[in-house]
Protein backbone atom coordinates (compact mmCIF):
# COMPACT_ATOMS: atom_id res chain seq x y z
CA MET A 1 16.22 -34.66 -32.06
CA GLY A 2 14.00 -34.17 -29.03
CA VAL A 3 12.66 -36.95 -26.84
CA CYS A 4 9.01 -36.75 -25.80
CA VAL A 5 8.21 -37.84 -22.24
CA THR A 6 5.21 -37.41 -20.00
CA LYS A 7 4.93 -34.62 -17.47
CA MET A 8 5.51 -36.99 -14.54
CA GLU A 9 8.58 -38.53 -16.19
CA ALA A 10 10.07 -35.06 -16.77
CA TYR A 11 9.31 -34.18 -13.15
CA ASP A 12 11.08 -37.32 -11.90
CA HIS A 13 14.10 -36.68 -14.15
CA LEU A 14 14.46 -33.11 -12.90
CA LYS A 15 14.00 -34.12 -9.27
CA VAL A 16 16.59 -36.91 -9.41
CA VAL A 17 19.15 -35.59 -11.89
CA GLY A 18 18.49 -31.84 -11.80
CA PHE A 19 19.21 -29.24 -14.49
CA ILE A 20 22.43 -29.25 -16.47
CA LYS A 21 24.93 -27.04 -14.69
CA ASP A 22 25.28 -23.52 -16.20
CA TYR A 23 22.32 -24.17 -18.50
CA ASN A 24 20.79 -20.71 -17.99
CA ASN A 25 19.72 -19.90 -21.54
CA TRP A 26 17.41 -22.67 -22.79
CA ILE A 27 18.75 -22.75 -26.35
CA ALA A 28 17.60 -26.38 -26.73
CA HIS A 29 14.04 -25.42 -25.83
CA GLY A 30 13.21 -22.65 -28.30
CA GLU A 31 15.12 -19.73 -26.77
CA LEU A 32 17.73 -19.38 -29.53
CA SER A 33 16.60 -15.90 -30.54
CA ASN A 34 16.58 -14.68 -26.93
CA TYR A 35 20.03 -16.19 -26.43
CA ASN A 36 21.44 -14.36 -29.46
CA GLU A 37 19.86 -11.14 -28.28
CA ALA A 38 21.25 -11.58 -24.77
CA THR A 39 24.69 -12.38 -26.19
CA SER A 40 24.75 -9.27 -28.33
CA ASN A 41 23.62 -7.14 -25.41
CA SER A 42 26.23 -8.61 -23.08
CA GLU A 43 29.02 -7.74 -25.52
CA ASN A 44 28.12 -4.09 -25.25
CA THR A 45 27.48 -4.06 -21.51
CA SER A 46 30.09 -3.73 -18.78
CA ILE A 47 30.49 -1.80 -15.58
CA GLY A 48 30.73 1.87 -16.33
CA VAL A 49 30.34 1.35 -20.09
CA SER A 50 26.72 0.92 -21.06
CA ASN A 51 24.50 3.95 -20.80
CA GLY A 52 26.85 5.48 -18.24
CA THR A 53 25.45 9.00 -18.63
CA ASN A 54 21.91 8.01 -17.72
CA ASP A 55 23.09 5.77 -14.85
CA MET A 56 25.12 8.55 -13.23
CA GLN A 57 22.41 11.17 -13.76
CA ASP A 58 19.83 8.82 -12.22
CA LEU A 59 22.15 8.36 -9.23
CA VAL A 60 22.39 12.12 -8.71
CA HIS A 61 18.63 12.56 -9.10
CA ASP A 62 18.08 9.80 -6.54
CA VAL A 63 20.29 11.54 -3.99
CA PHE A 64 18.52 14.90 -4.22
CA GLY A 65 15.03 13.51 -4.78
CA ILE A 66 14.51 15.37 -8.06
CA PRO A 67 12.28 13.73 -10.72
CA TYR A 68 14.14 12.11 -13.60
CA GLY A 69 14.53 14.02 -16.85
CA THR A 70 14.76 17.45 -15.20
CA ASN A 71 18.09 19.17 -14.68
CA GLU A 72 16.44 22.49 -13.90
CA LEU A 73 15.44 23.41 -10.36
CA ASN A 74 12.34 25.35 -9.46
CA ARG A 75 13.48 28.80 -8.37
CA GLU A 76 10.91 28.66 -5.56
CA GLY A 77 12.93 25.83 -4.06
CA ASP A 78 12.46 22.16 -4.87
CA ILE A 79 15.58 21.48 -2.79
CA PRO A 80 17.50 23.69 -0.36
CA VAL A 81 19.64 26.40 -1.97
CA SER A 82 22.72 25.03 -0.21
CA ASP A 83 22.24 21.74 -2.07
CA ALA A 84 21.64 23.35 -5.45
CA GLU A 85 25.32 23.99 -6.10
CA LYS A 86 26.20 20.39 -5.21
CA PHE A 87 23.44 19.15 -7.50
CA TYR A 88 24.62 21.14 -10.51
CA LYS A 89 28.25 20.14 -9.97
CA LEU A 90 27.36 16.45 -9.78
CA ILE A 91 25.13 16.74 -12.86
CA ASP A 92 28.04 18.31 -14.75
CA ASP A 93 30.38 15.52 -13.63
CA SER A 94 27.81 12.91 -14.62
CA GLN A 95 27.68 14.33 -18.16
CA GLN A 96 31.40 14.96 -18.78
CA ASP A 97 33.55 12.33 -20.41
CA LEU A 98 36.68 11.33 -18.52
CA TYR A 99 38.71 12.88 -21.36
CA SER A 100 37.95 14.07 -24.86
CA GLY A 101 36.82 11.13 -26.96
CA CYS A 102 36.43 8.69 -24.05
CA LYS A 103 33.40 6.45 -24.61
CA ASN A 104 33.77 4.09 -21.66
CA PHE A 105 33.88 6.34 -18.58
CA LEU A 106 32.44 9.56 -17.24
CA LYS A 107 34.20 11.56 -14.52
CA LEU A 108 31.75 10.50 -11.80
CA SER A 109 31.56 6.85 -12.87
CA PHE A 110 35.37 6.60 -12.99
CA ILE A 111 35.77 7.74 -9.38
CA ILE A 112 33.01 5.38 -8.23
CA ARG A 113 34.72 2.55 -10.11
CA LEU A 114 38.06 3.36 -8.41
CA LEU A 115 36.43 3.29 -4.99
CA HIS A 116 34.77 0.00 -5.91
CA LEU A 117 38.17 -1.48 -6.79
CA LYS A 118 39.55 -0.21 -3.46
CA CYS A 119 36.86 -2.19 -1.62
CA LEU A 120 37.29 -5.32 -3.74
CA GLY A 121 41.10 -5.26 -3.47
CA LYS A 122 41.12 -4.26 0.22
CA MET A 123 43.50 -1.38 -0.55
CA SER A 124 44.75 0.81 2.25
CA ASN A 125 44.18 4.56 2.00
CA LYS A 126 47.90 5.06 1.34
CA ILE A 127 47.94 2.62 -1.60
CA PHE A 128 44.81 4.29 -3.03
CA ASN A 129 46.43 7.72 -2.81
CA THR A 130 49.57 6.37 -4.51
CA LEU A 131 47.46 4.88 -7.31
CA VAL A 132 45.66 8.19 -7.87
CA GLU A 133 48.98 10.06 -7.99
CA LEU A 134 50.29 7.59 -10.56
CA LEU A 135 47.17 8.06 -12.70
CA ARG A 136 47.51 11.85 -12.48
CA GLU A 137 51.14 11.63 -13.66
CA ALA A 138 50.32 9.23 -16.51
CA PHE A 139 47.04 10.83 -17.64
CA PRO A 140 47.05 14.49 -16.48
CA LYS A 141 44.24 15.56 -18.81
CA ALA A 142 41.95 12.71 -17.78
CA MET A 143 42.46 13.31 -14.05
CA THR A 144 41.69 17.03 -14.19
CA ASN A 145 39.11 18.12 -11.58
CA LEU A 146 39.02 14.65 -10.06
CA PRO A 147 39.72 13.91 -6.36
CA SER A 148 43.46 13.78 -5.67
CA SER A 149 43.21 11.56 -2.56
CA TYR A 150 40.96 9.11 -0.78
CA TYR A 151 39.89 11.87 1.61
CA GLU A 152 38.47 13.96 -1.26
CA ALA A 153 36.83 10.91 -2.84
CA GLU A 154 35.26 10.08 0.52
CA LYS A 155 33.75 13.57 0.69
CA LEU A 156 32.24 12.95 -2.74
CA MET A 157 30.63 9.76 -1.42
CA ASN A 158 29.19 11.76 1.49
CA THR A 159 27.61 14.10 -1.05
CA LEU A 160 26.02 11.10 -2.73
CA GLY A 161 24.43 10.05 0.56
CA LEU A 162 26.89 7.24 1.26
CA GLY A 163 28.59 8.81 4.27
CA TYR A 164 29.16 7.69 7.83
CA GLU A 165 30.12 9.16 11.17
CA LYS A 166 32.99 8.06 13.40
CA ILE A 167 32.31 8.32 17.13
CA ASP A 168 35.15 7.79 19.59
CA ALA A 169 34.40 5.33 22.40
CA CYS A 170 35.92 4.31 25.71
CA PRO A 171 37.98 1.10 25.24
CA ASN A 172 36.22 -0.32 28.33
CA ASP A 173 32.76 0.24 26.78
CA CYS A 174 31.79 2.80 29.43
CA SER A 175 30.65 5.67 27.22
CA LEU A 176 30.81 7.44 23.87
CA TYR A 177 32.53 10.76 23.22
CA TRP A 178 29.33 12.01 21.69
CA GLY A 179 26.82 14.74 22.38
CA SER A 180 27.66 16.61 25.57
CA ALA A 181 30.78 14.43 26.08
CA GLU A 182 32.17 15.08 22.59
CA LYS A 183 35.10 17.22 23.80
CA ARG A 184 36.16 15.06 26.75
CA THR A 185 39.69 13.64 26.67
CA SER A 186 39.11 10.81 29.16
CA CYS A 187 36.28 8.57 30.28
CA GLU A 188 34.29 9.98 33.21
CA THR A 189 33.57 6.43 34.47
CA CYS A 190 36.96 4.66 34.36
CA ASN A 191 39.27 7.66 33.61
CA GLU A 192 40.78 5.81 30.65
CA LEU A 193 42.37 8.13 28.09
CA ARG A 194 40.48 8.79 24.88
CA TRP A 195 43.61 8.76 22.71
CA VAL A 196 46.36 6.21 22.18
CA ALA A 197 49.33 7.27 24.32
CA SER A 198 53.03 6.84 23.61
CA GLU A 199 56.35 7.73 25.26
CA ASN A 200 56.59 11.05 23.42
CA ASP A 201 52.88 11.74 23.76
CA PRO A 202 51.67 10.48 27.18
CA THR A 203 48.18 11.98 26.79
CA GLY A 204 47.80 11.20 23.08
CA GLU A 205 46.52 14.71 22.30
CA LYS A 206 49.25 15.43 19.73
CA ARG A 207 48.36 12.61 17.32
CA LYS A 208 44.76 12.18 18.51
CA ILE A 209 44.40 8.53 17.50
CA PRO A 210 41.29 7.18 19.28
CA GLN A 211 41.57 3.91 21.20
CA LYS A 212 38.18 2.71 19.97
CA VAL A 213 35.84 3.98 17.26
CA LEU A 214 32.15 3.32 16.62
CA TRP A 215 31.06 3.59 12.99
CA HIS A 216 27.61 5.13 12.68
CA PHE A 217 25.79 5.10 9.35
CA PRO A 218 22.92 7.62 9.59
CA LEU A 219 19.51 6.04 9.12
CA LYS A 220 17.49 9.03 7.90
CA PRO A 221 19.16 9.52 4.47
CA ARG A 222 19.00 5.77 3.83
CA LEU A 223 15.26 5.72 4.49
CA GLN A 224 14.83 8.72 2.21
CA ARG A 225 16.73 6.93 -0.58
CA LEU A 226 14.17 4.10 -0.51
CA PHE A 227 11.55 6.57 -1.75
CA MET A 228 13.78 8.28 -4.34
CA SER A 229 13.32 5.37 -6.73
CA SER A 230 9.78 5.21 -8.08
CA LYS A 231 9.81 1.40 -8.25
CA ILE A 232 11.03 0.89 -4.70
CA ALA A 233 8.77 3.69 -3.41
CA SER A 234 5.71 1.91 -4.80
CA GLN A 235 6.86 -1.36 -3.23
CA MET A 236 7.09 0.37 0.17
CA ARG A 237 3.28 0.43 0.12
CA TRP A 238 2.99 -3.26 -0.83
CA HIS A 239 2.14 -4.44 2.70
CA GLU A 240 -1.06 -2.39 2.61
CA GLU A 241 -2.06 -2.17 -1.04
CA LYS A 242 -1.01 -5.49 -2.62
CA ARG A 243 -0.69 -7.98 0.23
CA THR A 244 -3.10 -10.92 0.20
CA LYS A 245 -5.21 -10.59 3.34
CA ASP A 246 -6.68 -14.06 3.83
CA GLY A 247 -5.44 -14.78 7.36
CA CYS A 248 -2.40 -16.81 6.24
CA MET A 249 0.99 -15.69 7.49
CA ARG A 250 3.27 -14.80 4.59
CA HIS A 251 4.68 -11.48 5.77
CA PRO A 252 5.25 -9.74 9.15
CA ALA A 253 2.18 -7.60 8.36
CA ASP A 254 0.05 -10.75 8.78
CA PHE A 255 1.33 -11.21 12.34
CA PRO A 256 -0.72 -10.00 15.38
CA ALA A 257 2.25 -7.98 16.65
CA TRP A 258 2.10 -5.74 13.54
CA GLN A 259 -1.68 -5.45 13.68
CA THR A 260 -1.67 -4.65 17.41
CA PHE A 261 0.94 -1.95 16.81
CA ASP A 262 -1.26 -0.36 14.13
CA HIS A 263 -4.26 -0.51 16.47
CA LEU A 264 -2.38 1.19 19.33
CA HIS A 265 -0.83 3.85 17.07
CA PRO A 266 -3.46 4.81 14.46
CA GLU A 267 -1.70 8.07 13.51
CA PHE A 268 1.41 6.12 12.53
CA ALA A 269 -0.62 3.47 10.68
CA LYS A 270 -2.61 6.11 8.76
CA ASP A 271 0.17 6.49 6.18
CA CYS A 272 1.29 3.08 4.93
CA ARG A 273 4.59 4.60 3.76
CA ASN A 274 5.78 4.94 7.36
CA VAL A 275 8.54 2.39 7.78
CA ARG A 276 8.44 -0.62 10.12
CA LEU A 277 11.92 -1.83 10.97
CA GLY A 278 13.51 -4.93 12.43
CA LEU A 279 16.95 -4.91 14.05
CA ALA A 280 19.41 -7.80 13.77
CA SER A 281 22.83 -8.11 15.37
CA ASP A 282 25.45 -10.78 15.92
CA GLY A 283 29.21 -11.01 16.32
CA PHE A 284 31.59 -12.15 13.60
CA ASN A 285 35.33 -12.42 13.00
CA PRO A 286 36.27 -9.94 10.24
CA PHE A 287 39.77 -11.37 9.76
CA ASN A 288 38.76 -14.75 8.30
CA ASN A 289 40.91 -16.49 10.89
CA MET A 290 39.03 -18.85 13.17
CA SER A 291 41.99 -19.09 15.56
CA SER A 292 41.47 -15.43 16.44
CA THR A 293 38.83 -14.49 19.01
CA HIS A 294 38.18 -11.03 17.58
CA SER A 295 34.46 -10.14 17.57
CA THR A 296 32.95 -7.22 15.65
CA TRP A 297 29.22 -6.54 16.01
CA PRO A 298 27.26 -5.03 13.10
CA VAL A 299 23.76 -3.70 13.75
CA VAL A 300 21.57 -4.13 10.68
CA LEU A 301 18.06 -2.76 10.06
CA ILE A 302 15.49 -4.44 7.80
CA PRO A 303 12.58 -2.45 6.27
CA TYR A 304 9.51 -4.70 6.49
CA ASN A 305 7.31 -2.51 4.28
CA LEU A 306 8.78 -4.30 1.25
CA PRO A 307 7.37 -7.62 -0.01
CA PRO A 308 8.98 -10.84 1.30
CA TRP A 309 11.08 -11.37 -1.84
CA MET A 310 12.70 -7.95 -1.37
CA CYS A 311 12.91 -7.08 2.32
CA MET A 312 15.26 -9.98 3.16
CA LYS A 313 17.62 -9.33 0.25
CA GLN A 314 21.04 -7.80 0.79
CA PRO A 315 20.46 -4.55 -1.21
CA TYR A 316 17.75 -3.53 1.26
CA PHE A 317 19.67 -4.31 4.46
CA MET A 318 20.79 -1.08 6.13
CA LEU A 319 23.97 -1.22 8.20
CA SER A 320 23.37 1.23 11.01
CA LEU A 321 26.23 0.62 13.44
CA LEU A 322 29.56 -1.21 13.36
CA ILE A 323 30.70 -1.93 16.91
CA PRO A 324 34.45 -2.69 16.96
CA GLY A 325 36.17 -5.56 18.79
CA PRO A 326 38.32 -7.18 19.89
CA SER A 327 35.72 -8.52 22.34
CA SER A 328 31.93 -8.57 22.37
CA PRO A 329 30.30 -5.47 23.95
CA GLY A 330 28.13 -7.80 26.04
CA ASN A 331 25.78 -6.03 28.41
CA ASN A 332 27.37 -2.69 27.41
CA ILE A 333 25.91 -2.77 23.89
CA ASP A 334 23.41 -0.09 24.99
CA VAL A 335 26.29 2.41 25.04
CA TYR A 336 26.81 1.92 21.31
CA LEU A 337 23.09 1.88 20.48
CA GLN A 338 22.61 5.48 21.68
CA PRO A 339 22.98 7.21 18.26
CA LEU A 340 20.55 4.77 16.64
CA VAL A 341 17.96 5.07 19.42
CA LYS A 342 18.17 8.86 19.20
CA GLU A 343 17.50 8.69 15.44
CA LEU A 344 14.59 6.30 15.94
CA THR A 345 13.08 8.59 18.59
CA GLU A 346 13.32 11.61 16.26
CA LEU A 347 11.82 9.61 13.39
CA TRP A 348 8.89 8.66 15.63
CA ASP A 349 8.28 12.08 17.17
CA PHE A 350 9.01 14.41 14.25
CA GLY A 351 9.72 12.34 11.15
CA ILE A 352 11.66 13.69 8.19
CA GLN A 353 10.48 15.33 4.98
CA THR A 354 10.90 12.87 2.12
CA TYR A 355 10.20 12.95 -1.59
CA ASP A 356 8.08 10.04 -2.87
CA ALA A 357 9.16 9.48 -6.49
CA SER A 358 6.22 7.13 -7.21
CA GLN A 359 3.56 9.70 -6.26
CA LYS A 360 5.69 12.77 -7.03
CA GLU A 361 5.04 14.47 -3.71
CA ASN A 362 6.75 15.30 -0.44
CA PHE A 363 5.52 13.72 2.79
CA GLN A 364 6.59 13.45 6.42
CA LEU A 365 8.22 10.04 6.85
CA HIS A 366 8.08 8.33 10.24
CA ALA A 367 9.67 5.05 11.31
CA ALA A 368 9.30 2.57 14.17
CA LEU A 369 11.30 -0.40 15.42
CA LEU A 370 9.05 -3.43 15.85
CA TRP A 371 11.48 -6.05 17.23
CA THR A 372 15.02 -7.37 17.32
CA ILE A 373 16.44 -10.62 15.90
CA SER A 374 19.44 -12.40 17.44
CA ASP A 375 20.75 -15.69 18.75
CA PHE A 376 20.27 -16.63 22.42
CA PRO A 377 23.38 -14.82 23.81
CA GLY A 378 22.49 -11.79 21.67
CA TYR A 379 18.97 -11.92 23.14
CA ALA A 380 20.48 -11.30 26.59
CA MET A 381 22.52 -8.33 25.33
CA LEU A 382 19.60 -6.62 23.62
CA SER A 383 16.80 -7.39 26.10
CA GLY A 384 18.70 -7.09 29.40
CA TRP A 385 17.47 -10.49 30.66
CA SER A 386 20.39 -12.88 31.23
CA THR A 387 20.00 -16.18 29.37
CA LYS A 388 22.22 -18.03 31.84
CA GLY A 389 21.63 -19.50 35.26
CA GLU A 390 18.51 -20.55 37.12
CA TYR A 391 16.08 -18.16 35.40
CA ALA A 392 17.55 -18.36 31.91
CA CYS A 393 14.22 -18.75 30.07
CA PRO A 394 13.00 -15.27 28.98
CA VAL A 395 9.47 -16.61 28.37
CA CYS A 396 8.90 -18.34 31.72
CA HIS A 397 10.68 -15.45 33.45
CA LYS A 398 10.56 -15.84 37.25
CA PHE A 399 8.38 -18.94 36.86
CA THR A 400 11.19 -20.95 35.23
CA HIS A 401 11.47 -24.54 36.52
CA ALA A 402 15.21 -25.22 36.72
CA ARG A 403 17.19 -28.00 38.35
CA ARG A 404 20.93 -28.06 38.82
CA LEU A 405 22.53 -31.27 37.54
CA THR A 406 25.16 -32.24 40.09
CA HIS A 407 27.38 -34.31 37.84
CA SER A 408 26.94 -32.49 34.50
CA PHE A 409 27.51 -29.09 36.18
CA LYS A 410 24.68 -27.33 34.35
CA TYR A 411 21.05 -26.39 34.73
CA CYS A 412 18.25 -28.54 33.32
CA TYR A 413 15.06 -26.67 32.49
CA MET A 414 11.82 -28.56 33.02
CA GLY A 415 8.19 -27.51 33.21
CA HIS A 416 7.74 -27.30 29.45
CA ARG A 417 4.64 -29.52 29.65
CA ARG A 418 2.81 -26.55 31.22
CA PHE A 419 2.34 -25.16 27.71
CA LEU A 420 0.35 -28.21 26.58
CA ASP A 421 -3.41 -28.51 26.65
CA SER A 422 -4.73 -29.32 30.14
CA LYS A 423 -5.89 -32.78 28.98
CA HIS A 424 -2.81 -33.69 26.97
CA LYS A 425 -1.55 -37.22 27.69
CA PHE A 426 2.06 -36.08 28.17
CA ARG A 427 1.07 -34.25 31.37
CA LYS A 428 0.52 -37.57 33.20
CA GLN A 429 3.37 -39.56 31.64
CA ALA A 430 5.78 -39.05 34.52
CA GLN A 431 8.06 -41.95 33.56
CA PHE A 432 9.02 -40.32 30.23
CA PHE A 433 9.98 -36.95 31.73
CA ASP A 434 11.22 -35.95 35.19
CA GLY A 435 9.23 -38.49 37.20
CA THR A 436 6.40 -36.13 38.09
CA GLU A 437 2.99 -35.36 36.65
CA GLU A 438 2.41 -31.84 35.38
CA HIS A 439 -0.66 -29.94 36.64
CA GLY A 440 0.64 -26.37 36.33
CA LYS A 441 -0.52 -23.63 33.97
CA ARG A 442 1.56 -21.78 31.44
CA PRO A 443 3.28 -18.68 32.90
CA PRO A 444 1.79 -15.27 32.10
CA LEU A 445 3.19 -13.27 29.19
CA GLN A 446 5.52 -10.47 30.28
CA THR A 447 4.23 -7.17 28.90
CA GLY A 448 6.31 -4.05 28.51
CA ASP A 449 4.42 -2.31 31.32
CA MET A 450 5.18 -5.21 33.69
CA ILE A 451 8.89 -4.99 32.89
CA VAL A 452 8.99 -1.21 33.34
CA SER A 453 7.23 -1.42 36.71
CA GLU A 454 9.50 -4.29 37.80
CA LEU A 455 12.71 -2.43 36.97
CA GLY A 456 11.52 1.03 37.90
CA ASP A 457 14.01 3.88 37.46
CA LEU A 458 17.11 1.93 38.42
CA GLN A 459 20.22 3.51 36.93
CA ILE A 460 22.95 1.18 35.65
CA LYS A 461 26.52 2.24 34.92
CA PHE A 462 28.06 0.57 31.91
CA GLY A 463 31.65 -0.54 31.45
CA LYS A 464 33.84 -3.60 31.82
CA LEU A 465 35.49 -2.27 34.98
CA VAL A 466 32.32 -0.98 36.68
CA LYS A 467 31.38 -2.57 40.00
CA GLY A 468 28.72 -1.78 42.55
CA ASN A 469 25.67 -1.58 40.28
CA PRO A 470 22.37 -2.14 42.15
CA LYS A 471 21.18 -5.74 42.29
CA LEU A 472 18.26 -6.25 39.94
CA PRO A 473 15.46 -8.78 40.49
CA PHE A 474 15.79 -12.30 39.11
CA ASN A 475 17.92 -12.42 35.91
CA TRP A 476 17.70 -8.77 34.94
CA LYS A 477 21.04 -7.14 34.11
CA LYS A 478 19.76 -3.76 32.94
CA ARG A 479 16.79 -1.83 31.64
CA SER A 480 17.17 -2.10 27.87
CA ILE A 481 17.84 1.16 26.03
CA PHE A 482 14.99 0.29 23.67
CA PHE A 483 12.54 1.24 26.44
CA ASP A 484 13.63 4.83 25.76
CA LEU A 485 11.57 4.57 22.57
CA PRO A 486 8.06 5.93 23.34
CA TYR A 487 6.29 2.90 21.85
CA TRP A 488 8.61 0.03 22.85
CA LYS A 489 6.69 -1.03 25.97
CA ASP A 490 3.54 -1.43 23.86
CA ASN A 491 5.16 -3.86 21.40
CA VAL A 492 3.72 -7.36 21.70
CA LEU A 493 6.86 -9.11 20.43
CA ARG A 494 10.01 -7.20 21.33
CA HIS A 495 12.72 -9.80 20.70
CA ASN A 496 12.98 -12.73 18.27
CA LEU A 497 15.38 -15.66 18.26
CA ASP A 498 17.19 -16.60 15.07
CA PHE A 499 15.85 -20.10 14.36
CA MET A 500 18.83 -21.10 12.20
CA HIS A 501 21.24 -20.67 15.15
CA ILE A 502 19.09 -22.83 17.43
CA GLU A 503 18.50 -25.45 14.74
CA LYS A 504 22.25 -25.73 14.13
CA ASN A 505 22.96 -26.31 17.83
CA VAL A 506 20.18 -28.90 18.16
CA CYS A 507 21.25 -30.75 15.02
CA GLU A 508 24.91 -30.86 16.12
CA ASN A 509 23.85 -32.29 19.48
CA ILE A 510 21.73 -34.96 17.76
CA TRP A 511 24.34 -36.31 15.35
CA GLY A 512 27.05 -35.83 17.97
CA THR A 513 25.09 -38.07 20.35
CA LEU A 514 24.21 -40.62 17.65
CA LEU A 515 27.86 -40.99 16.60
CA ASP A 516 29.07 -40.71 20.20
CA ILE A 517 31.55 -37.96 19.31
CA GLU A 518 33.65 -36.79 22.23
CA ASP A 519 32.72 -33.33 23.56
CA LYS A 520 29.53 -33.33 21.44
CA ALA A 521 27.63 -36.38 22.75
CA LYS A 522 25.03 -35.67 25.45
CA ASP A 523 24.69 -39.30 26.53
CA HIS A 524 27.70 -39.95 28.77
CA TYR A 525 28.66 -41.21 32.22
CA ASN A 526 27.85 -37.97 34.05
CA SER A 527 24.41 -37.68 32.45
CA ARG A 528 23.63 -41.28 33.49
CA ARG A 529 24.67 -40.44 37.07
CA ASP A 530 22.28 -37.47 36.99
CA LEU A 531 19.46 -39.79 35.86
CA ARG A 532 20.21 -42.04 38.81
CA GLU A 533 20.21 -39.12 41.23
CA MET A 534 16.85 -37.90 39.87
CA GLY A 535 15.41 -41.42 40.19
CA ILE A 536 14.20 -41.70 36.57
CA ARG A 537 14.99 -43.97 33.60
CA LYS A 538 16.27 -46.83 35.78
CA GLU A 539 17.08 -48.92 32.70
CA LEU A 540 19.80 -46.37 31.80
CA HIS A 541 21.47 -46.11 35.18
CA PRO A 542 25.22 -46.98 35.16
CA ILE A 543 26.11 -50.45 36.45
CA GLU A 544 29.35 -51.10 38.31
CA THR A 545 30.59 -54.48 37.03
CA GLU A 546 33.77 -54.50 39.10
CA PRO A 547 35.83 -51.98 41.03
CA GLY A 548 36.86 -49.13 38.72
CA LYS A 549 34.73 -50.32 35.77
CA VAL A 550 31.25 -49.12 34.86
CA TYR A 551 28.83 -50.45 32.24
CA LEU A 552 26.47 -48.00 30.53
CA PRO A 553 23.37 -49.82 29.19
CA PRO A 554 22.76 -48.83 25.53
CA SER A 555 19.98 -46.33 24.92
CA SER A 556 17.24 -46.83 22.35
CA PHE A 557 19.04 -44.56 19.85
CA ALA A 558 22.55 -45.99 20.30
CA MET A 559 24.27 -47.27 17.12
CA ASP A 560 26.99 -49.88 16.80
CA LYS A 561 30.08 -49.42 14.62
CA LYS A 562 28.44 -50.92 11.54
CA GLN A 563 25.42 -48.63 11.82
CA LYS A 564 27.61 -45.55 12.34
CA THR A 565 29.62 -46.42 9.23
CA MET A 566 26.40 -46.95 7.25
CA PHE A 567 25.03 -43.61 8.48
CA CYS A 568 28.18 -41.73 7.41
CA ASN A 569 28.30 -43.57 4.07
CA VAL A 570 24.79 -42.39 3.26
CA LEU A 571 25.75 -38.76 4.02
CA LYS A 572 29.00 -39.18 2.11
CA LYS A 573 27.20 -40.25 -1.07
CA VAL A 574 24.08 -38.09 -0.78
CA LYS A 575 23.23 -35.92 -3.80
CA VAL A 576 20.91 -32.95 -3.72
CA PRO A 577 19.72 -30.54 -6.45
CA ASP A 578 22.15 -27.81 -7.44
CA GLY A 579 21.97 -24.90 -5.02
CA TYR A 580 19.88 -26.82 -2.50
CA ALA A 581 22.75 -27.37 -0.04
CA ALA A 582 26.53 -27.30 0.19
CA ASN A 583 28.70 -30.32 -0.55
CA VAL A 584 27.91 -32.22 2.65
CA SER A 585 30.23 -35.10 1.70
CA ARG A 586 33.28 -32.90 2.36
CA CYS A 587 32.22 -32.60 6.01
CA VAL A 588 31.72 -36.35 6.56
CA ARG A 589 34.43 -38.83 7.49
CA VAL A 590 33.66 -42.58 7.42
CA LYS A 591 36.69 -43.92 9.32
CA PRO A 592 36.37 -43.04 12.10
CA PRO A 593 32.68 -41.97 11.75
CA ARG A 594 32.61 -38.22 12.25
CA ILE A 595 30.90 -35.06 10.99
CA SER A 596 32.43 -31.60 11.22
CA GLY A 597 32.29 -28.21 9.54
CA LEU A 598 28.60 -28.15 8.62
CA LYS A 599 27.10 -24.68 8.10
CA SER A 600 23.75 -23.58 9.52
CA HIS A 601 21.90 -24.27 6.27
CA ASP A 602 23.46 -27.75 6.01
CA ASN A 603 22.18 -28.58 9.49
CA HIS A 604 18.78 -27.28 8.43
CA ILE A 605 18.79 -29.71 5.49
CA LEU A 606 19.75 -32.62 7.77
CA MET A 607 16.98 -31.78 10.20
């Protein structure tokens, strides 16, 4: 028996209580027939079971860029002759059952499923090979003509366009054994051996186990695959053909940086299928052990041609490089970016012939990198401008107003009121800031041409052990490798900061100061001494009551014990809609009042 309520009452109920958990099929609201249909379909659908033939054939067609429904090649050459044999073999494998009478697996889908299980179960190559040998002994007929080892299965994945390249690197981040240096056995900068040495093999050339390896995932075939699906290929033109152009910012294409790029490079902008990319990178610990300091750096590319609800989804992220640890590459990240920059340069200058499945034609695909995305330390690595010290601000550049705090042992960056309107009231409110009135103008924007002229042709040697590099002006540490791209100096916005990282740090400082948590609070004895030295906020200066004892007057935001307990109780009992945030209550402790373990999104919700 249903209960009729008004629209506003239903809205209030949903907002306060939320939907019933796991209530995905609305069987109580007239969807009974759809539910039955979905249930019947789900019973016949599993990985590698439903419509496996068509799925595998579509996969093969995607790889070679051949229209669906055609297994015959044009004798004049739709694809290179060298690829024809691979195409026919994969088509045969995608049509053959695993064994006579098998209805659940095809030969190709079975191998892909095995490799999928290897990834999910984190199997070593040796365990995978042992498993395949066991299957061959138990089911010899089924395993006929299938890869007999992980090495052979890996070659199959390369044929499907899922390959990668391993490039040996110097363990001191000096150089790559790549290009002209591919056959070297030691680093020309630090003379470190390329291979892992042992007592029986002092040079390492017998076993040839590299000390450090860069994983490079070629960009060109991944861009081509975007256009091999007719649906995705049509969405790659969304930014030009379907985007709402009313001046509101909903997509990077609405931003002046994109529009300026198109204006400066009309030949590139002529074909809306040419790909605009963003680059994101950050370090992470791959071992799920926070006590370890290991740091691996992935470099991920994002295709911005796609609409907003697609371009930021995981299936469309393209892992380009995987820079190994155990430590961050730091300023030497340019060494590892060389293969990617070379690919981007070739894609800009020459492009690559690509088949567009939506328009059923070949075209010359070009690509350009618009900007990078990182946190503040990553900004320094990618841009070459150090985000530490007196000139840490990359926007104010050499016009940064910094003051060293004697007692807090850090820099304090002032001068932010310069960005306000010339008549803004904050400019004259000296008592609320650093004790001075602000009459300065905002610093000029640093263009790419200004940076190139400032750095000139200075050559920097990379490597952890390298010393004696020329001293660069101000906070420059290097000339970024991205300036090797022909168009990089013309980009209006070259580097972006990840807002979630900054918001997390700010939020942690706020609640750390409110709860007066040790090592997180910013209002302490040393900061009060700095206020006294600067001659501002006299009401907060420390007061010596007697020898060896100091009284810190409470600030306007200070909370007593009762208020701190009340604050933590509210967070402990807070309820939010399902999926809106994590369980914040698990990160809150009432006695003593403390917050810990909040993720970036949780801090975003608190802010």
